Amino acid sequence: MSFVKDFKPIALGETNLFKPIQVGDMKLQHRAVLPPLTRMRAAHNIPNKQWTAEYYNQRSKYPGTFLITEGTFISAKSGGYDDAPGIWNQEQIAEWTRIFKKIHDNKSFVYVQLWTLGRQSAPVNLARDGLPYVSASDDLYMDESQKKLALDSNNPQHGLTKAEIKEYIQDFVQAAKNSIAAGADGVEIHCANGYLLNQFLDPISNHRTDEYGGSIENRSRFSLEVIDAVVAALGHKKVGVRFSPFGVYGTQSGSANPLIIAQYAHIIGEIEKRAKEGKRLSYVHVVDPSVTDLLLKEDLGVDESVSNNFVYSIWKGPIIRAGNKTLHPEVVKDLVKDNRTLIAYGRYWIANPDLVERLEKGYPLNEYNRSLFYAMTDDGYTNYPTYSEAVKLDYK
């Protein structure tokens, strides 16, 4: 491995990125945030007992750092990937407890991202376990290959019934309670990247005609009911939410639908309305259109026709901005001039366990090995060197 080529780092220690900020109940010492990074190393939906604690330990060494876990299933029926973690049973909770203790021993903070897949799940795996393959609407598949998998496994996609929606809301609540019981500082509700809650928000995947579909207000309903229920269970200072307004991953609309911005202005406005009534969430987390498809490399799939800056005119609390920020420190310097802004650093935090120190001091960055992002091994997971170790290894 080597340092990133053709990249000139900038020391950000004197910028607002390293100014402390209050987020919910947490007093953070800087504004670099580890976002949810799915690593597919769980075993039977239990965080990997050999490697995962060390992975989070390495990335929380800089005191006062805020980490958000990889997407974590709220229940068996919300999943479908065997190698992604959950937080619905005692064995899962026990392992998360060990992980969170490592983070807190480092004087850092952690939220659990609560995740449910909907039509992005694996219908074959769900059928194997006797679980339904669901989304916002019946038979509205992402693509023909997904449709074939569903039909061949006799598990056709169906839109959640109202009774099932209530079950999912309770699953979110129980997973949130389990997260706090395991020692987490809070939870992030995943309404982004084309997963189940996002499938209800987006008209491309929501063709319902009841109170959960049709109008902008109706498409927001499920997500808002989840947010309200989790806030009632934990308190508003322990809950954040993530959106990807212009994303296309998971076959979502992106900016091709000119009304999509109205959808997100509405739901974020509803969240701000609750804030003005005394229930301000700890933050709103947005994936910028600098990354519209998670499968693409940096600087590919950028949508320069739109911006998430509209969020600032609606939501008045802390905002986390994600999307290829590591390779653009000049953009970060500008963004953090706003006193409410935090920056999520994803892929390069995988390869740089000491990323916060490198950002502060302007050190070069280790290049990542994308082929190992989802490999069932500690290679490319816990064995990336710190900057001082990389120098000793003669990285160039």
Protein backbone atom coordinates (compact mmCIF):
# COMPACT_ATOMS: atom_id res chain seq x y z
CA MET A 1 0.00 0.00 0.00
CA SER A 2 0.99 3.63 -0.35
CA PHE A 3 -0.10 7.16 0.37
CA VAL A 4 -2.79 8.69 -1.88
CA LYS A 5 -1.14 9.96 -5.06
CA ASP A 6 -1.72 13.45 -6.46
CA PHE A 7 -3.33 14.66 -3.24
CA LYS A 8 -1.97 17.60 -1.29
CA PRO A 9 -3.22 17.49 2.30
CA ILE A 10 -4.05 20.66 4.19
CA ALA A 11 -3.67 20.98 7.96
CA LEU A 12 -7.14 21.74 9.32
CA GLY A 13 -6.23 22.06 12.99
CA GLU A 14 -6.71 25.83 13.00
CA THR A 15 -10.09 25.72 11.26
CA ASN A 16 -13.55 25.27 12.75
CA LEU A 17 -13.24 21.53 12.04
CA PHE A 18 -11.36 21.37 15.34
CA LYS A 19 -13.67 23.65 17.28
CA PRO A 20 -15.71 21.81 19.96
CA ILE A 21 -19.45 21.51 19.44
CA GLN A 22 -22.44 20.33 21.48
CA VAL A 23 -24.47 17.67 19.66
CA GLY A 24 -27.38 16.31 21.67
CA ASP A 25 -25.93 15.24 25.02
CA MET A 26 -22.39 15.00 23.61
CA LYS A 27 -19.64 17.58 23.91
CA LEU A 28 -17.50 16.79 20.87
CA GLN A 29 -13.94 18.05 20.67
CA HIS A 30 -13.97 18.36 16.88
CA ARG A 31 -16.39 18.08 13.93
CA ALA A 32 -14.95 15.09 12.01
CA VAL A 33 -17.53 12.30 12.22
CA LEU A 34 -17.17 8.62 11.35
CA PRO A 35 -20.31 7.91 9.28
CA PRO A 36 -22.01 4.52 8.95
CA LEU A 37 -19.69 2.24 6.93
CA THR A 38 -21.06 -1.21 6.18
CA ARG A 39 -18.19 -3.72 6.41
CA MET A 40 -20.00 -7.09 6.07
CA ARG A 41 -17.90 -8.89 8.68
CA ALA A 42 -20.63 -9.99 11.08
CA ALA A 43 -21.37 -13.67 11.70
CA HIS A 44 -25.06 -14.60 11.79
CA ASN A 45 -25.83 -10.89 12.34
CA ILE A 46 -23.53 -10.70 15.40
CA PRO A 47 -20.69 -8.14 15.22
CA ASN A 48 -17.46 -10.00 14.54
CA LYS A 49 -16.07 -11.04 17.90
CA GLN A 50 -12.48 -11.13 16.65
CA TRP A 51 -12.15 -7.84 14.83
CA THR A 52 -15.02 -5.36 15.22
CA ALA A 53 -14.20 -4.07 18.70
CA GLU A 54 -10.64 -3.35 17.59
CA TYR A 55 -11.85 -1.61 14.42
CA TYR A 56 -13.93 0.87 16.43
CA ASN A 57 -11.26 1.12 19.12
CA GLN A 58 -8.69 2.28 16.55
CA ARG A 59 -11.00 4.92 15.12
CA SER A 60 -12.02 6.40 18.47
CA LYS A 61 -8.52 6.99 19.88
CA TYR A 62 -8.68 10.75 19.41
CA PRO A 63 -10.69 11.91 22.48
CA GLY A 64 -14.02 13.56 21.83
CA THR A 65 -14.63 11.85 18.47
CA PHE A 66 -18.18 11.01 17.31
CA LEU A 67 -18.64 7.64 15.61
CA ILE A 68 -21.81 6.31 13.98
CA THR A 69 -21.87 2.55 13.63
CA GLU A 70 -22.31 0.66 10.41
CA GLY A 71 -25.96 0.07 9.50
CA THR A 72 -27.46 -2.24 12.13
CA PHE A 73 -30.62 -4.26 11.60
CA ILE A 74 -33.49 -3.52 13.95
CA SER A 75 -35.00 -7.01 13.62
CA ALA A 76 -34.56 -10.25 11.71
CA LYS A 77 -37.22 -9.29 9.18
CA SER A 78 -35.54 -5.94 8.52
CA GLY A 79 -32.35 -7.64 7.35
CA GLY A 80 -31.54 -10.35 4.85
CA TYR A 81 -27.74 -10.05 4.83
CA ASP A 82 -26.16 -12.65 7.11
CA ASP A 83 -22.88 -10.74 7.47
CA ALA A 84 -24.31 -7.40 8.60
CA PRO A 85 -24.92 -6.83 12.34
CA GLY A 86 -28.21 -6.55 14.17
CA ILE A 87 -29.23 -5.37 17.61
CA TRP A 88 -32.39 -7.34 18.36
CA ASN A 89 -31.08 -10.25 20.47
CA GLN A 90 -28.97 -10.65 23.58
CA GLU A 91 -25.87 -12.05 21.88
CA GLN A 92 -25.78 -9.06 19.54
CA ILE A 93 -26.34 -6.63 22.42
CA ALA A 94 -23.55 -8.26 24.43
CA GLU A 95 -21.02 -7.78 21.63
CA TRP A 96 -22.09 -4.20 21.00
CA THR A 97 -21.70 -3.55 24.73
CA ARG A 98 -18.06 -4.62 24.50
CA ILE A 99 -17.52 -2.41 21.43
CA PHE A 100 -19.13 0.65 23.00
CA LYS A 101 -17.02 0.27 26.13
CA LYS A 102 -13.88 0.47 23.98
CA ILE A 103 -15.13 3.70 22.42
CA HIS A 104 -16.07 5.24 25.76
CA ASP A 105 -12.78 4.17 27.33
CA ASN A 106 -11.19 6.34 24.64
CA LYS A 107 -13.41 9.24 25.78
CA SER A 108 -15.28 9.24 22.48
CA PHE A 109 -18.98 8.85 21.57
CA VAL A 110 -21.12 6.50 19.50
CA TYR A 111 -24.58 6.33 17.92
CA VAL A 112 -26.06 3.18 16.36
CA GLN A 113 -27.45 3.59 12.85
CA LEU A 114 -30.80 1.76 12.79
CA TRP A 115 -31.24 0.07 9.41
CA THR A 116 -33.94 -1.78 7.52
CA LEU A 117 -33.48 -2.79 3.90
CA GLY A 118 -36.90 -3.11 2.28
CA ARG A 119 -36.57 -3.95 -1.40
CA GLN A 120 -32.76 -3.78 -1.26
CA SER A 121 -32.77 -6.96 0.80
CA ALA A 122 -32.03 -10.50 -0.43
CA PRO A 123 -35.40 -12.19 -1.09
CA VAL A 124 -33.77 -15.64 -1.24
CA ASN A 125 -32.30 -15.29 2.25
CA LEU A 126 -35.56 -13.93 3.60
CA ALA A 127 -37.45 -16.86 2.07
CA ARG A 128 -34.97 -19.27 3.65
CA ASP A 129 -35.80 -17.81 7.04
CA GLY A 130 -39.55 -17.61 6.44
CA LEU A 131 -39.53 -13.81 6.26
CA PRO A 132 -41.34 -11.54 3.78
CA TYR A 133 -39.70 -9.39 1.12
CA VAL A 134 -41.17 -5.89 1.54
CA SER A 135 -41.12 -2.31 0.34
CA ALA A 136 -43.51 0.61 0.16
CA SER A 137 -45.52 -0.88 -2.73
CA ASP A 138 -46.44 -4.25 -4.19
CA ASP A 139 -44.42 -5.64 -7.10
CA LEU A 140 -42.41 -2.45 -7.65
CA TYR A 141 -38.97 -3.97 -7.97
CA MET A 142 -35.62 -2.21 -8.24
CA ASP A 143 -34.81 -4.12 -11.43
CA GLU A 144 -35.57 -7.30 -13.33
CA SER A 145 -32.83 -9.33 -11.66
CA GLN A 146 -34.22 -8.55 -8.22
CA LYS A 147 -37.70 -9.43 -9.45
CA LYS A 148 -36.48 -12.81 -10.73
CA LEU A 149 -34.81 -13.62 -7.40
CA ALA A 150 -38.01 -12.78 -5.54
CA LEU A 151 -40.32 -14.75 -7.80
CA ASP A 152 -37.98 -17.76 -8.08
CA SER A 153 -37.82 -17.94 -4.27
CA ASN A 154 -41.60 -17.63 -4.02
CA ASN A 155 -41.14 -14.43 -2.02
CA PRO A 156 -42.66 -11.65 -4.14
CA GLN A 157 -42.25 -8.07 -2.97
CA HIS A 158 -45.24 -6.65 -1.15
CA GLY A 159 -45.99 -3.21 0.21
CA LEU A 160 -46.15 -3.07 3.99
CA THR A 161 -49.65 -3.22 5.40
CA LYS A 162 -50.63 -0.67 8.03
CA ALA A 163 -50.31 -3.35 10.69
CA GLU A 164 -46.80 -4.18 9.46
CA ILE A 165 -45.85 -0.50 9.51
CA LYS A 166 -46.81 -0.40 13.19
CA GLU A 167 -44.66 -3.50 13.79
CA TYR A 168 -41.67 -1.86 12.13
CA ILE A 169 -42.13 1.27 14.24
CA GLN A 170 -42.03 -0.88 17.37
CA ASP A 171 -38.95 -2.68 16.03
CA PHE A 172 -37.23 0.70 15.67
CA VAL A 173 -38.18 1.60 19.23
CA GLN A 174 -36.96 -1.70 20.67
CA ALA A 175 -33.69 -1.51 18.71
CA ALA A 176 -33.18 2.03 19.99
CA LYS A 177 -33.74 0.88 23.57
CA ASN A 178 -31.36 -2.03 23.02
CA SER A 179 -28.73 0.39 21.71
CA ILE A 180 -28.92 2.53 24.84
CA ALA A 181 -28.89 -0.60 27.03
CA ALA A 182 -25.67 -1.65 25.28
CA GLY A 183 -24.11 1.72 26.14
CA ALA A 184 -24.61 3.77 22.97
CA ASP A 185 -25.01 7.54 23.33
CA GLY A 186 -27.91 7.57 20.88
CA VAL A 187 -29.20 6.31 17.54
CA GLU A 188 -29.37 7.50 13.95
CA ILE A 189 -32.52 6.66 11.98
CA HIS A 190 -31.56 5.65 8.44
CA CYS A 191 -33.89 7.39 5.98
CA ALA A 192 -31.32 7.46 3.15
CA ASN A 193 -29.65 5.52 0.33
CA GLY A 194 -32.74 3.83 -1.04
CA TYR A 195 -33.54 1.65 1.99
CA LEU A 196 -37.00 1.08 3.43
CA LEU A 197 -37.80 4.49 4.93
CA ASN A 198 -36.33 6.16 1.84
CA GLN A 199 -38.53 3.87 -0.32
CA PHE A 200 -41.56 5.43 1.33
CA LEU A 201 -40.21 8.96 0.84
CA ASP A 202 -39.46 8.60 -2.86
CA PRO A 203 -42.25 8.56 -5.48
CA ILE A 204 -40.19 6.25 -7.68
CA SER A 205 -40.66 3.44 -5.14
CA ASN A 206 -43.89 4.54 -3.41
CA HIS A 207 -47.04 4.11 -5.49
CA ARG A 208 -49.38 3.72 -2.51
CA THR A 209 -52.84 5.25 -2.48
CA ASP A 210 -53.45 5.23 1.29
CA GLU A 211 -52.24 7.70 3.91
CA TYR A 212 -48.63 6.53 3.40
CA GLY A 213 -48.47 7.44 -0.29
CA GLY A 214 -49.52 9.90 -2.95
CA SER A 215 -48.82 13.32 -1.47
CA ILE A 216 -45.55 14.64 -0.11
CA GLU A 217 -47.09 14.73 3.37
CA ASN A 218 -48.19 11.10 3.13
CA ARG A 219 -44.82 9.88 1.89
CA SER A 220 -43.18 11.54 4.93
CA ARG A 221 -45.59 9.88 7.36
CA PHE A 222 -43.78 6.57 8.05
CA SER A 223 -40.39 8.21 8.69
CA LEU A 224 -41.93 10.83 10.96
CA GLU A 225 -43.84 8.19 12.91
CA VAL A 226 -40.57 6.30 13.44
CA ILE A 227 -38.78 9.48 14.53
CA ASP A 228 -41.59 10.45 16.93
CA ALA A 229 -41.73 6.97 18.46
CA VAL A 230 -37.96 6.74 18.98
CA VAL A 231 -37.86 10.26 20.44
CA ALA A 232 -40.66 9.30 22.84
CA ALA A 233 -38.60 6.27 23.94
CA LEU A 234 -35.13 7.86 24.23
CA GLY A 235 -35.59 11.62 24.35
CA HIS A 236 -34.87 13.98 21.46
CA LYS A 237 -31.22 14.59 22.39
CA LYS A 238 -30.34 10.97 21.65
CA VAL A 239 -31.77 10.77 18.13
CA GLY A 240 -30.35 11.82 14.76
CA VAL A 241 -31.58 11.17 11.23
CA ARG A 242 -29.90 10.64 7.85
CA PHE A 243 -31.20 11.63 4.38
CA SER A 244 -29.80 11.47 0.84
CA PRO A 245 -32.04 13.95 -1.02
CA PHE A 246 -30.35 13.62 -4.41
CA GLY A 247 -29.05 10.06 -4.25
CA VAL A 248 -29.78 7.51 -6.95
CA TYR A 249 -28.35 4.45 -5.18
CA GLY A 250 -31.04 1.79 -4.82
CA THR A 251 -32.76 3.22 -7.92
CA GLN A 252 -34.02 6.36 -6.23
CA SER A 253 -35.09 9.52 -8.04
CA GLY A 254 -32.18 11.88 -7.50
CA SER A 255 -32.41 15.27 -9.17
CA ALA A 256 -34.20 13.76 -12.20
CA ASN A 257 -37.41 14.48 -10.31
CA PRO A 258 -37.55 18.28 -9.85
CA LEU A 259 -40.06 17.88 -7.01
CA ILE A 260 -37.80 15.68 -4.87
CA ILE A 261 -36.40 18.74 -3.11
CA ALA A 262 -39.95 19.56 -1.99
CA GLN A 263 -40.21 16.13 -0.38
CA TYR A 264 -37.12 16.70 1.72
CA ALA A 265 -37.97 20.31 2.48
CA HIS A 266 -41.24 19.00 3.89
CA ILE A 267 -39.87 16.26 6.12
CA ILE A 268 -36.98 18.39 7.37
CA GLY A 269 -39.48 21.19 8.00
CA GLU A 270 -41.57 18.80 10.09
CA ILE A 271 -38.45 17.89 12.09
CA GLU A 272 -37.72 21.59 12.64
CA LYS A 273 -41.34 22.17 13.66
CA ARG A 274 -40.88 19.52 16.37
CA ALA A 275 -37.64 21.21 17.38
CA LYS A 276 -39.43 24.51 17.92
CA GLU A 277 -41.87 22.61 20.14
CA GLY A 278 -38.97 21.53 22.36
CA LYS A 279 -37.94 18.27 20.69
CA ARG A 280 -34.88 19.17 18.63
CA LEU A 281 -33.08 16.11 17.30
CA SER A 282 -29.36 15.98 17.96
CA TYR A 283 -28.57 16.41 14.26
CA VAL A 284 -29.64 16.02 10.64
CA HIS A 285 -27.14 14.08 8.51
CA VAL A 286 -27.21 14.56 4.72
CA VAL A 287 -25.37 12.78 1.91
CA ASP A 288 -24.37 15.50 -0.53
CA PRO A 289 -24.81 15.11 -4.31
CA SER A 290 -21.02 14.93 -4.56
CA VAL A 291 -21.80 11.22 -3.99
CA THR A 292 -25.06 10.09 -5.62
CA ASP A 293 -24.20 6.38 -5.96
CA LEU A 294 -22.30 4.54 -3.22
CA LEU A 295 -20.86 2.06 -5.73
CA LEU A 296 -18.93 4.70 -7.69
CA LYS A 297 -15.40 5.92 -7.05
CA GLU A 298 -14.72 9.44 -5.80
CA ASP A 299 -15.51 12.23 -8.28
CA LEU A 300 -17.79 9.94 -10.33
CA GLY A 301 -21.55 10.39 -10.25
CA VAL A 302 -21.26 13.95 -8.95
CA ASP A 303 -24.44 15.98 -9.51
CA GLU A 304 -23.41 19.63 -9.68
CA SER A 305 -26.91 20.79 -10.63
CA VAL A 306 -28.20 20.60 -7.05
CA SER A 307 -27.07 21.21 -3.48
CA ASN A 308 -28.09 20.34 0.06
CA ASN A 309 -27.55 23.93 1.16
CA PHE A 310 -31.34 24.33 1.28
CA VAL A 311 -31.32 22.33 4.52
CA TYR A 312 -29.74 25.25 6.42
CA SER A 313 -32.70 27.51 5.68
CA ILE A 314 -35.07 25.00 7.30
CA TRP A 315 -33.26 23.04 10.00
CA LYS A 316 -31.55 25.16 12.67
CA GLY A 317 -29.65 22.46 14.56
CA PRO A 318 -26.36 20.66 13.85
CA ILE A 319 -25.88 19.36 10.30
CA ILE A 320 -23.50 16.55 9.28
CA ARG A 321 -22.36 16.74 5.64
CA ALA A 322 -21.13 13.54 3.94
CA GLY A 323 -19.83 12.86 0.45
CA ASN A 324 -16.19 12.79 -0.73
CA LYS A 325 -14.95 15.42 1.69
CA THR A 326 -11.56 13.83 2.50
CA LEU A 327 -10.00 14.60 -0.87
CA HIS A 328 -11.40 18.14 -0.86
CA PRO A 329 -10.12 19.88 2.30
CA GLU A 330 -10.67 23.24 0.62
CA VAL A 331 -14.40 22.44 0.53
CA VAL A 332 -14.30 21.40 4.18
CA LYS A 333 -12.64 24.68 5.19
CA ASP A 334 -15.51 26.55 3.58
CA LEU A 335 -18.31 24.32 4.92
CA VAL A 336 -17.19 24.48 8.55
CA LYS A 337 -17.30 28.27 8.53
CA ASP A 338 -20.94 27.65 9.36
CA ASN A 339 -20.94 27.03 13.10
CA ARG A 340 -23.48 24.19 12.93
CA THR A 341 -21.63 22.03 10.42
CA LEU A 342 -19.86 18.73 11.02
CA ILE A 343 -18.10 16.68 8.33
CA ALA A 344 -18.45 12.93 7.78
CA TYR A 345 -15.34 11.18 6.48
CA GLY A 346 -16.04 7.68 5.15
CA ARG A 347 -13.86 5.56 2.90
CA TYR A 348 -10.54 7.11 3.94
CA TRP A 349 -11.29 6.55 7.62
CA ILE A 350 -11.33 2.85 6.79
CA ALA A 351 -7.72 3.08 5.57
CA ASN A 352 -6.57 5.69 8.11
CA PRO A 353 -7.42 4.67 11.68
CA ASP A 354 -5.79 7.90 12.90
CA LEU A 355 -7.62 10.06 10.34
CA VAL A 356 -8.50 12.81 12.83
CA GLU A 357 -4.84 13.45 13.64
CA ARG A 358 -3.97 13.45 9.93
CA LEU A 359 -6.70 16.00 9.24
CA GLU A 360 -5.49 18.16 12.10
CA LYS A 361 -1.82 18.13 11.07
CA GLY A 362 -2.07 17.78 7.30
CA TYR A 363 -0.39 14.38 7.07
CA PRO A 364 -0.61 12.25 3.91
CA LEU A 365 -3.36 9.62 3.71
CA ASN A 366 -3.09 5.87 3.25
CA GLU A 367 -4.75 4.65 0.07
CA TYR A 368 -7.58 2.19 0.67
CA ASN A 369 -8.02 -1.26 -0.87
CA ARG A 370 -11.58 -1.27 -2.16
CA SER A 371 -11.50 -5.00 -2.90
CA LEU A 372 -11.31 -5.61 0.87
CA PHE A 373 -14.15 -3.28 1.89
CA TYR A 374 -16.58 -6.19 2.36
CA ALA A 375 -14.16 -9.12 2.77
CA MET A 376 -14.50 -11.54 5.70
CA THR A 377 -10.98 -10.87 6.95
CA ASP A 378 -9.08 -8.52 9.22
CA ASP A 379 -7.02 -7.52 6.18
CA GLY A 380 -8.17 -4.11 5.00
CA TYR A 381 -10.08 -3.70 8.26
CA THR A 382 -7.88 -3.54 11.34
CA ASN A 383 -4.38 -3.72 9.81
CA TYR A 384 -4.05 -0.29 8.18
CA PRO A 385 -1.10 1.61 9.71
CA THR A 386 -1.19 4.91 11.54
CA TYR A 387 0.82 7.72 9.97
CA SER A 388 3.90 7.04 12.10
CA GLU A 389 3.67 3.33 11.31
CA ALA A 390 3.29 4.08 7.60
CA VAL A 391 6.45 6.22 7.64
CA LYS A 392 8.37 3.32 9.22
CA LEU A 393 6.98 1.05 6.51
CA ASP A 394 8.41 3.48 3.93
CA TYR A 395 5.07 4.49 2.43
CA LYS A 396 5.54 6.86 -0.50
